Amino acid sequence: PPVLRPTAEPVSAGRAPAGPASIDRP
């Protein structure tokens, strides 16, 4: 199965994510 790997910095409370996540295969 594909692995969800964030491509942006972690989201902190009250702030929107900086960018999308990508899916990569191992």
mmCIF file of all heavy atoms, coordinates in Angstrom:
data_MODEL
# 
_entry.id   MODEL 
# 
loop_
_atom_site.group_PDB 
_atom_site.id 
_atom_site.type_symbol 
_atom_site.label_atom_id 
_atom_site.label_alt_id 
_atom_site.label_comp_id 
_atom_site.label_asym_id 
_atom_site.label_entity_id 
_atom_site.label_seq_id 
_atom_site.pdbx_PDB_ins_code 
_atom_site.Cartn_x 
_atom_site.Cartn_y 
_atom_site.Cartn_z 
_atom_site.occupancy 
_atom_site.B_iso_or_equiv 
_atom_site.pdbx_formal_charge 
_atom_site.auth_seq_id 
_atom_site.auth_comp_id 
_atom_site.auth_asym_id 
_atom_site.auth_atom_id 
_atom_site.pdbx_PDB_model_num 
ATOM 1   N N   . PRO A 1 1  ? 0.824  -1.204 0.000  1.00 0.00 ? 1  PRO A N   1 
ATOM 2   C CA  . PRO A 1 1  ? 0.000  0.000  0.000  1.00 0.00 ? 1  PRO A CA  1 
ATOM 3   C C   . PRO A 1 1  ? 0.862  1.260  0.000  1.00 0.00 ? 1  PRO A C   1 
ATOM 4   O O   . PRO A 1 1  ? 1.984  1.259  0.501  1.00 0.00 ? 1  PRO A O   1 
ATOM 5   C CB  . PRO A 1 1  ? -0.806 -0.106 1.295  1.00 0.00 ? 1  PRO A CB  1 
ATOM 6   C CG  . PRO A 1 1  ? -0.022 -1.008 2.160  1.00 0.00 ? 1  PRO A CG  1 
ATOM 7   C CD  . PRO A 1 1  ? 0.734  -1.933 1.252  1.00 0.00 ? 1  PRO A CD  1 
ATOM 8   N N   . PRO A 1 2  ? 0.357  2.340  -0.583 1.00 0.00 ? 2  PRO A N   1 
ATOM 9   C CA  . PRO A 1 2  ? 1.120  3.587  -0.578 1.00 0.00 ? 2  PRO A CA  1 
ATOM 10  C C   . PRO A 1 2  ? 1.267  4.128  0.841  1.00 0.00 ? 2  PRO A C   1 
ATOM 11  O O   . PRO A 1 2  ? 0.455  3.857  1.717  1.00 0.00 ? 2  PRO A O   1 
ATOM 12  C CB  . PRO A 1 2  ? 0.285  4.530  -1.437 1.00 0.00 ? 2  PRO A CB  1 
ATOM 13  C CG  . PRO A 1 2  ? -1.081 3.963  -1.425 1.00 0.00 ? 2  PRO A CG  1 
ATOM 14  C CD  . PRO A 1 2  ? -0.932 2.479  -1.230 1.00 0.00 ? 2  PRO A CD  1 
ATOM 15  N N   . VAL A 1 3  ? 2.314  4.905  1.053  1.00 0.00 ? 3  VAL A N   1 
ATOM 16  C CA  . VAL A 1 3  ? 2.582  5.501  2.359  1.00 0.00 ? 3  VAL A CA  1 
ATOM 17  C C   . VAL A 1 3  ? 2.332  7.002  2.254  1.00 0.00 ? 3  VAL A C   1 
ATOM 18  O O   . VAL A 1 3  ? 2.839  7.655  1.347  1.00 0.00 ? 3  VAL A O   1 
ATOM 19  C CB  . VAL A 1 3  ? 4.054  5.239  2.776  1.00 0.00 ? 3  VAL A CB  1 
ATOM 20  C CG1 . VAL A 1 3  ? 4.364  5.951  4.079  1.00 0.00 ? 3  VAL A CG1 1 
ATOM 21  C CG2 . VAL A 1 3  ? 4.306  3.754  2.888  1.00 0.00 ? 3  VAL A CG2 1 
ATOM 22  N N   . LEU A 1 4  ? 1.541  7.543  3.166  1.00 0.00 ? 4  LEU A N   1 
ATOM 23  C CA  . LEU A 1 4  ? 1.290  8.981  3.181  1.00 0.00 ? 4  LEU A CA  1 
ATOM 24  C C   . LEU A 1 4  ? 2.462  9.665  3.857  1.00 0.00 ? 4  LEU A C   1 
ATOM 25  O O   . LEU A 1 4  ? 2.800  9.382  4.999  1.00 0.00 ? 4  LEU A O   1 
ATOM 26  C CB  . LEU A 1 4  ? -0.011 9.285  3.928  1.00 0.00 ? 4  LEU A CB  1 
ATOM 27  C CG  . LEU A 1 4  ? -0.454 10.733 3.920  1.00 0.00 ? 4  LEU A CG  1 
ATOM 28  C CD1 . LEU A 1 4  ? -0.714 11.202 2.491  1.00 0.00 ? 4  LEU A CD1 1 
ATOM 29  C CD2 . LEU A 1 4  ? -1.711 10.913 4.741  1.00 0.00 ? 4  LEU A CD2 1 
ATOM 30  N N   . ARG A 1 5  ? 3.103  10.554 3.123  1.00 0.00 ? 5  ARG A N   1 
ATOM 31  C CA  . ARG A 1 5  ? 4.288  11.240 3.634  1.00 0.00 ? 5  ARG A CA  1 
ATOM 32  C C   . ARG A 1 5  ? 4.055  12.742 3.527  1.00 0.00 ? 5  ARG A C   1 
ATOM 33  O O   . ARG A 1 5  ? 3.849  13.261 2.438  1.00 0.00 ? 5  ARG A O   1 
ATOM 34  C CB  . ARG A 1 5  ? 5.503  10.847 2.809  1.00 0.00 ? 5  ARG A CB  1 
ATOM 35  C CG  . ARG A 1 5  ? 6.797  11.456 3.286  1.00 0.00 ? 5  ARG A CG  1 
ATOM 36  C CD  . ARG A 1 5  ? 7.936  10.980 2.435  1.00 0.00 ? 5  ARG A CD  1 
ATOM 37  N NE  . ARG A 1 5  ? 7.635  11.202 1.029  1.00 0.00 ? 5  ARG A NE  1 
ATOM 38  C CZ  . ARG A 1 5  ? 8.399  11.902 0.207  1.00 0.00 ? 5  ARG A CZ  1 
ATOM 39  N NH1 . ARG A 1 5  ? 9.515  12.431 0.623  1.00 0.00 ? 5  ARG A NH1 1 
ATOM 40  N NH2 . ARG A 1 5  ? 8.064  12.055 -1.051 1.00 0.00 ? 5  ARG A NH2 1 
ATOM 41  N N   . PRO A 1 6  ? 4.067  13.472 4.632  1.00 0.00 ? 6  PRO A N   1 
ATOM 42  C CA  . PRO A 1 6  ? 3.849  14.914 4.557  1.00 0.00 ? 6  PRO A CA  1 
ATOM 43  C C   . PRO A 1 6  ? 5.006  15.594 3.830  1.00 0.00 ? 6  PRO A C   1 
ATOM 44  O O   . PRO A 1 6  ? 6.162  15.216 3.979  1.00 0.00 ? 6  PRO A O   1 
ATOM 45  C CB  . PRO A 1 6  ? 3.776  15.354 6.011  1.00 0.00 ? 6  PRO A CB  1 
ATOM 46  C CG  . PRO A 1 6  ? 4.439  14.273 6.783  1.00 0.00 ? 6  PRO A CG  1 
ATOM 47  C CD  . PRO A 1 6  ? 4.294  13.004 5.978  1.00 0.00 ? 6  PRO A CD  1 
ATOM 48  N N   . THR A 1 7  ? 4.663  16.588 3.017  1.00 0.00 ? 7  THR A N   1 
ATOM 49  C CA  . THR A 1 7  ? 5.701  17.346 2.315  1.00 0.00 ? 7  THR A CA  1 
ATOM 50  C C   . THR A 1 7  ? 5.807  18.755 2.875  1.00 0.00 ? 7  THR A C   1 
ATOM 51  O O   . THR A 1 7  ? 6.575  19.553 2.390  1.00 0.00 ? 7  THR A O   1 
ATOM 52  C CB  . THR A 1 7  ? 5.393  17.422 0.807  1.00 0.00 ? 7  THR A CB  1 
ATOM 53  O OG1 . THR A 1 7  ? 4.104  18.001 0.642  1.00 0.00 ? 7  THR A OG1 1 
ATOM 54  C CG2 . THR A 1 7  ? 5.440  16.059 0.171  1.00 0.00 ? 7  THR A CG2 1 
ATOM 55  N N   . ALA A 1 8  ? 4.990  19.073 3.886  1.00 0.00 ? 8  ALA A N   1 
ATOM 56  C CA  . ALA A 1 8  ? 4.994  20.410 4.482  1.00 0.00 ? 8  ALA A CA  1 
ATOM 57  C C   . ALA A 1 8  ? 5.313  20.284 5.969  1.00 0.00 ? 8  ALA A C   1 
ATOM 58  O O   . ALA A 1 8  ? 5.324  19.210 6.542  1.00 0.00 ? 8  ALA A O   1 
ATOM 59  C CB  . ALA A 1 8  ? 3.636  21.071 4.293  1.00 0.00 ? 8  ALA A CB  1 
ATOM 60  N N   . GLU A 1 9  ? 5.555  21.414 6.586  1.00 0.00 ? 9  GLU A N   1 
ATOM 61  C CA  . GLU A 1 9  ? 5.818  21.417 8.025  1.00 0.00 ? 9  GLU A CA  1 
ATOM 62  C C   . GLU A 1 9  ? 4.561  21.013 8.787  1.00 0.00 ? 9  GLU A C   1 
ATOM 63  O O   . GLU A 1 9  ? 3.450  21.165 8.295  1.00 0.00 ? 9  GLU A O   1 
ATOM 64  C CB  . GLU A 1 9  ? 6.303  22.794 8.466  1.00 0.00 ? 9  GLU A CB  1 
ATOM 65  C CG  . GLU A 1 9  ? 5.278  23.896 8.220  1.00 0.00 ? 9  GLU A CG  1 
ATOM 66  C CD  . GLU A 1 9  ? 5.858  25.268 8.472  1.00 0.00 ? 9  GLU A CD  1 
ATOM 67  O OE1 . GLU A 1 9  ? 6.720  25.687 7.702  1.00 0.00 ? 9  GLU A OE1 1 
ATOM 68  O OE2 . GLU A 1 9  ? 5.429  25.896 9.451  1.00 0.00 ? 9  GLU A OE2 1 
ATOM 69  N N   . PRO A 1 10 ? 4.700  20.468 9.989  1.00 0.00 ? 10 PRO A N   1 
ATOM 70  C CA  . PRO A 1 10 ? 3.527  20.052 10.774 1.00 0.00 ? 10 PRO A CA  1 
ATOM 71  C C   . PRO A 1 10 ? 2.591  21.224 11.052 1.00 0.00 ? 10 PRO A C   1 
ATOM 72  O O   . PRO A 1 10 ? 3.016  22.370 11.131 1.00 0.00 ? 10 PRO A O   1 
ATOM 73  C CB  . PRO A 1 10 ? 4.136  19.522 12.075 1.00 0.00 ? 10 PRO A CB  1 
ATOM 74  C CG  . PRO A 1 10 ? 5.570  19.282 11.777 1.00 0.00 ? 10 PRO A CG  1 
ATOM 75  C CD  . PRO A 1 10 ? 5.949  20.206 10.658 1.00 0.00 ? 10 PRO A CD  1 
ATOM 76  N N   . VAL A 1 11 ? 1.318  20.909 11.218 1.00 0.00 ? 11 VAL A N   1 
ATOM 77  C CA  . VAL A 1 11 ? 0.301  21.927 11.484 1.00 0.00 ? 11 VAL A CA  1 
ATOM 78  C C   . VAL A 1 11 ? 0.217  22.154 12.987 1.00 0.00 ? 11 VAL A C   1 
ATOM 79  O O   . VAL A 1 11 ? 0.118  21.216 13.761 1.00 0.00 ? 11 VAL A O   1 
ATOM 80  C CB  . VAL A 1 11 ? -1.070 21.468 10.952 1.00 0.00 ? 11 VAL A CB  1 
ATOM 81  C CG1 . VAL A 1 11 ? -2.145 22.490 11.293 1.00 0.00 ? 11 VAL A CG1 1 
ATOM 82  C CG2 . VAL A 1 11 ? -1.001 21.222 9.460  1.00 0.00 ? 11 VAL A CG2 1 
ATOM 83  N N   . SER A 1 12 ? 0.275  23.411 13.409 1.00 0.00 ? 12 SER A N   1 
ATOM 84  C CA  . SER A 1 12 ? 0.086  23.707 14.826 1.00 0.00 ? 12 SER A CA  1 
ATOM 85  C C   . SER A 1 12 ? -1.332 24.252 15.010 1.00 0.00 ? 12 SER A C   1 
ATOM 86  O O   . SER A 1 12 ? -1.987 24.637 14.050 1.00 0.00 ? 12 SER A O   1 
ATOM 87  C CB  . SER A 1 12 ? 1.132  24.723 15.301 1.00 0.00 ? 12 SER A CB  1 
ATOM 88  O OG  . SER A 1 12 ? 0.993  25.926 14.583 1.00 0.00 ? 12 SER A OG  1 
ATOM 89  N N   . ALA A 1 13 ? -1.788 24.304 16.237 1.00 0.00 ? 13 ALA A N   1 
ATOM 90  C CA  . ALA A 1 13 ? -3.160 24.724 16.538 1.00 0.00 ? 13 ALA A CA  1 
ATOM 91  C C   . ALA A 1 13 ? -3.458 26.099 15.957 1.00 0.00 ? 13 ALA A C   1 
ATOM 92  O O   . ALA A 1 13 ? -2.675 27.034 16.101 1.00 0.00 ? 13 ALA A O   1 
ATOM 93  C CB  . ALA A 1 13 ? -3.376 24.729 18.049 1.00 0.00 ? 13 ALA A CB  1 
ATOM 94  N N   . GLY A 1 14 ? -4.593 26.214 15.255 1.00 0.00 ? 14 GLY A N   1 
ATOM 95  C CA  . GLY A 1 14 ? -5.040 27.483 14.731 1.00 0.00 ? 14 GLY A CA  1 
ATOM 96  C C   . GLY A 1 14 ? -4.381 27.914 13.430 1.00 0.00 ? 14 GLY A C   1 
ATOM 97  O O   . GLY A 1 14 ? -4.595 29.014 12.960 1.00 0.00 ? 14 GLY A O   1 
ATOM 98  N N   . ARG A 1 15 ? -3.572 27.041 12.836 1.00 0.00 ? 15 ARG A N   1 
ATOM 99  C CA  . ARG A 1 15 ? -2.888 27.421 11.599 1.00 0.00 ? 15 ARG A CA  1 
ATOM 100 C C   . ARG A 1 15 ? -3.147 26.394 10.514 1.00 0.00 ? 15 ARG A C   1 
ATOM 101 O O   . ARG A 1 15 ? -3.142 25.191 10.765 1.00 0.00 ? 15 ARG A O   1 
ATOM 102 C CB  . ARG A 1 15 ? -1.393 27.494 11.870 1.00 0.00 ? 15 ARG A CB  1 
ATOM 103 C CG  . ARG A 1 15 ? -0.668 28.322 10.831 1.00 0.00 ? 15 ARG A CG  1 
ATOM 104 C CD  . ARG A 1 15 ? 0.755  28.488 11.220 1.00 0.00 ? 15 ARG A CD  1 
ATOM 105 N NE  . ARG A 1 15 ? 1.454  27.275 10.775 1.00 0.00 ? 15 ARG A NE  1 
ATOM 106 C CZ  . ARG A 1 15 ? 2.743  27.085 10.892 1.00 0.00 ? 15 ARG A CZ  1 
ATOM 107 N NH1 . ARG A 1 15 ? 3.473  27.983 11.478 1.00 0.00 ? 15 ARG A NH1 1 
ATOM 108 N NH2 . ARG A 1 15 ? 3.316  25.998 10.462 1.00 0.00 ? 15 ARG A NH2 1 
ATOM 109 N N   . ALA A 1 16 ? -3.372 26.828 9.309  1.00 0.00 ? 16 ALA A N   1 
ATOM 110 C CA  . ALA A 1 16 ? -3.611 25.929 8.175  1.00 0.00 ? 16 ALA A CA  1 
ATOM 111 C C   . ALA A 1 16 ? -2.293 25.315 7.725  1.00 0.00 ? 16 ALA A C   1 
ATOM 112 O O   . ALA A 1 16 ? -1.227 25.896 7.928  1.00 0.00 ? 16 ALA A O   1 
ATOM 113 C CB  . ALA A 1 16 ? -4.250 26.704 7.025  1.00 0.00 ? 16 ALA A CB  1 
ATOM 114 N N   . PRO A 1 17 ? -2.345 24.134 7.113  1.00 0.00 ? 17 PRO A N   1 
ATOM 115 C CA  . PRO A 1 17 ? -1.110 23.512 6.613  1.00 0.00 ? 17 PRO A CA  1 
ATOM 116 C C   . PRO A 1 17 ? -0.478 24.373 5.520  1.00 0.00 ? 17 PRO A C   1 
ATOM 117 O O   . PRO A 1 17 ? -1.152 25.062 4.774  1.00 0.00 ? 17 PRO A O   1 
ATOM 118 C CB  . PRO A 1 17 ? -1.558 22.163 6.069  1.00 0.00 ? 17 PRO A CB  1 
ATOM 119 C CG  . PRO A 1 17 ? -3.039 22.223 5.981  1.00 0.00 ? 17 PRO A CG  1 
ATOM 120 C CD  . PRO A 1 17 ? -3.505 23.321 6.883  1.00 0.00 ? 17 PRO A CD  1 
ATOM 121 N N   . ALA A 1 18 ? 0.854  24.326 5.432  1.00 0.00 ? 18 ALA A N   1 
ATOM 122 C CA  . ALA A 1 18 ? 1.584  25.143 4.466  1.00 0.00 ? 18 ALA A CA  1 
ATOM 123 C C   . ALA A 1 18 ? 1.510  24.578 3.055  1.00 0.00 ? 18 ALA A C   1 
ATOM 124 O O   . ALA A 1 18 ? 1.724  25.287 2.097  1.00 0.00 ? 18 ALA A O   1 
ATOM 125 C CB  . ALA A 1 18 ? 3.042  25.255 4.905  1.00 0.00 ? 18 ALA A CB  1 
ATOM 126 N N   . GLY A 1 19 ? 1.239  23.295 2.891  1.00 0.00 ? 19 GLY A N   1 
ATOM 127 C CA  . GLY A 1 19 ? 1.207  22.706 1.552  1.00 0.00 ? 19 GLY A CA  1 
ATOM 128 C C   . GLY A 1 19 ? 0.560  21.335 1.578  1.00 0.00 ? 19 GLY A C   1 
ATOM 129 O O   . GLY A 1 19 ? 0.227  20.820 2.646  1.00 0.00 ? 19 GLY A O   1 
ATOM 130 N N   . PRO A 1 20 ? 0.376  20.733 0.413  1.00 0.00 ? 20 PRO A N   1 
ATOM 131 C CA  . PRO A 1 20 ? -0.286 19.430 0.332  1.00 0.00 ? 20 PRO A CA  1 
ATOM 132 C C   . PRO A 1 20 ? 0.635  18.296 0.771  1.00 0.00 ? 20 PRO A C   1 
ATOM 133 O O   . PRO A 1 20 ? 1.846  18.463 0.853  1.00 0.00 ? 20 PRO A O   1 
ATOM 134 C CB  . PRO A 1 20 ? -0.622 19.309 -1.154 1.00 0.00 ? 20 PRO A CB  1 
ATOM 135 C CG  . PRO A 1 20 ? 0.452  20.105 -1.836 1.00 0.00 ? 20 PRO A CG  1 
ATOM 136 C CD  . PRO A 1 20 ? 0.735  21.254 -0.900 1.00 0.00 ? 20 PRO A CD  1 
ATOM 137 N N   . ALA A 1 21 ? 0.040  17.140 1.020  1.00 0.00 ? 21 ALA A N   1 
ATOM 138 C CA  . ALA A 1 21 ? 0.799  15.931 1.310  1.00 0.00 ? 21 ALA A CA  1 
ATOM 139 C C   . ALA A 1 21 ? 0.906  15.133 0.029  1.00 0.00 ? 21 ALA A C   1 
ATOM 140 O O   . ALA A 1 21 ? 0.099  15.281 -0.881 1.00 0.00 ? 21 ALA A O   1 
ATOM 141 C CB  . ALA A 1 21 ? 0.114  15.120 2.392  1.00 0.00 ? 21 ALA A CB  1 
ATOM 142 N N   . SER A 1 22 ? 1.909  14.311 -0.077 1.00 0.00 ? 22 SER A N   1 
ATOM 143 C CA  . SER A 1 22 ? 2.047  13.448 -1.251 1.00 0.00 ? 22 SER A CA  1 
ATOM 144 C C   . SER A 1 22 ? 2.034  12.000 -0.809 1.00 0.00 ? 22 SER A C   1 
ATOM 145 O O   . SER A 1 22 ? 2.320  11.677 0.335  1.00 0.00 ? 22 SER A O   1 
ATOM 146 C CB  . SER A 1 22 ? 3.341  13.759 -2.001 1.00 0.00 ? 22 SER A CB  1 
ATOM 147 O OG  . SER A 1 22 ? 4.452  13.402 -1.204 1.00 0.00 ? 22 SER A OG  1 
ATOM 148 N N   . ILE A 1 23 ? 1.702  11.138 -1.768 1.00 0.00 ? 23 ILE A N   1 
ATOM 149 C CA  . ILE A 1 23 ? 1.681  9.704  -1.496 1.00 0.00 ? 23 ILE A CA  1 
ATOM 150 C C   . ILE A 1 23 ? 2.819  9.078  -2.264 1.00 0.00 ? 23 ILE A C   1 
ATOM 151 O O   . ILE A 1 23 ? 2.938  9.240  -3.476 1.00 0.00 ? 23 ILE A O   1 
ATOM 152 C CB  . ILE A 1 23 ? 0.339  9.078  -1.906 1.00 0.00 ? 23 ILE A CB  1 
ATOM 153 C CG1 . ILE A 1 23 ? -0.791 9.639  -1.054 1.00 0.00 ? 23 ILE A CG1 1 
ATOM 154 C CG2 . ILE A 1 23 ? 0.404  7.557  -1.792 1.00 0.00 ? 23 ILE A CG2 1 
ATOM 155 C CD1 . ILE A 1 23 ? -2.155 9.137  -1.411 1.00 0.00 ? 23 ILE A CD1 1 
ATOM 156 N N   . ASP A 1 24 ? 3.683  8.360  -1.570 1.00 0.00 ? 24 ASP A N   1 
ATOM 157 C CA  . ASP A 1 24 ? 4.793  7.657  -2.195 1.00 0.00 ? 24 ASP A CA  1 
ATOM 158 C C   . ASP A 1 24 ? 4.716  6.186  -1.855 1.00 0.00 ? 24 ASP A C   1 
ATOM 159 O O   . ASP A 1 24 ? 4.299  5.812  -0.771 1.00 0.00 ? 24 ASP A O   1 
ATOM 160 C CB  . ASP A 1 24 ? 6.144  8.172  -1.669 1.00 0.00 ? 24 ASP A CB  1 
ATOM 161 C CG  . ASP A 1 24 ? 6.512  9.526  -2.251 1.00 0.00 ? 24 ASP A CG  1 
ATOM 162 O OD1 . ASP A 1 24 ? 5.949  9.897  -3.299 1.00 0.00 ? 24 ASP A OD1 1 
ATOM 163 O OD2 . ASP A 1 24 ? 7.372  10.193 -1.656 1.00 0.00 ? 24 ASP A OD2 1 
ATOM 164 N N   . ARG A 1 25 ? 5.140  5.364  -2.785 1.00 0.00 ? 25 ARG A N   1 
ATOM 165 C CA  . ARG A 1 25 ? 5.274  3.935  -2.515 1.00 0.00 ? 25 ARG A CA  1 
ATOM 166 C C   . ARG A 1 25 ? 6.651  3.699  -1.924 1.00 0.00 ? 25 ARG A C   1 
ATOM 167 O O   . ARG A 1 25 ? 7.625  4.348  -2.324 1.00 0.00 ? 25 ARG A O   1 
ATOM 168 C CB  . ARG A 1 25 ? 5.090  3.123  -3.787 1.00 0.00 ? 25 ARG A CB  1 
ATOM 169 C CG  . ARG A 1 25 ? 3.712  3.241  -4.342 1.00 0.00 ? 25 ARG A CG  1 
ATOM 170 C CD  . ARG A 1 25 ? 3.432  2.080  -5.270 1.00 0.00 ? 25 ARG A CD  1 
ATOM 171 N NE  . ARG A 1 25 ? 2.102  2.147  -5.785 1.00 0.00 ? 25 ARG A NE  1 
ATOM 172 C CZ  . ARG A 1 25 ? 1.024  1.655  -5.183 1.00 0.00 ? 25 ARG A CZ  1 
ATOM 173 N NH1 . ARG A 1 25 ? 1.144  1.045  -4.043 1.00 0.00 ? 25 ARG A NH1 1 
ATOM 174 N NH2 . ARG A 1 25 ? -0.157 1.752  -5.721 1.00 0.00 ? 25 ARG A NH2 1 
ATOM 175 N N   . PRO A 1 26 ? 6.749  2.776  -0.958 1.00 0.00 ? 26 PRO A N   1 
ATOM 176 C CA  . PRO A 1 26 ? 8.071  2.475  -0.388 1.00 0.00 ? 26 PRO A CA  1 
ATOM 177 C C   . PRO A 1 26 ? 9.017  2.000  -1.480 1.00 0.00 ? 26 PRO A C   1 
ATOM 178 O O   . PRO A 1 26 ? 8.606  1.332  -2.412 1.00 0.00 ? 26 PRO A O   1 
ATOM 179 C CB  . PRO A 1 26 ? 7.775  1.354  0.613  1.00 0.00 ? 26 PRO A CB  1 
ATOM 180 C CG  . PRO A 1 26 ? 6.323  1.406  0.856  1.00 0.00 ? 26 PRO A CG  1 
ATOM 181 C CD  . PRO A 1 26 ? 5.699  1.998  -0.361 1.00 0.00 ? 26 PRO A CD  1 
# 
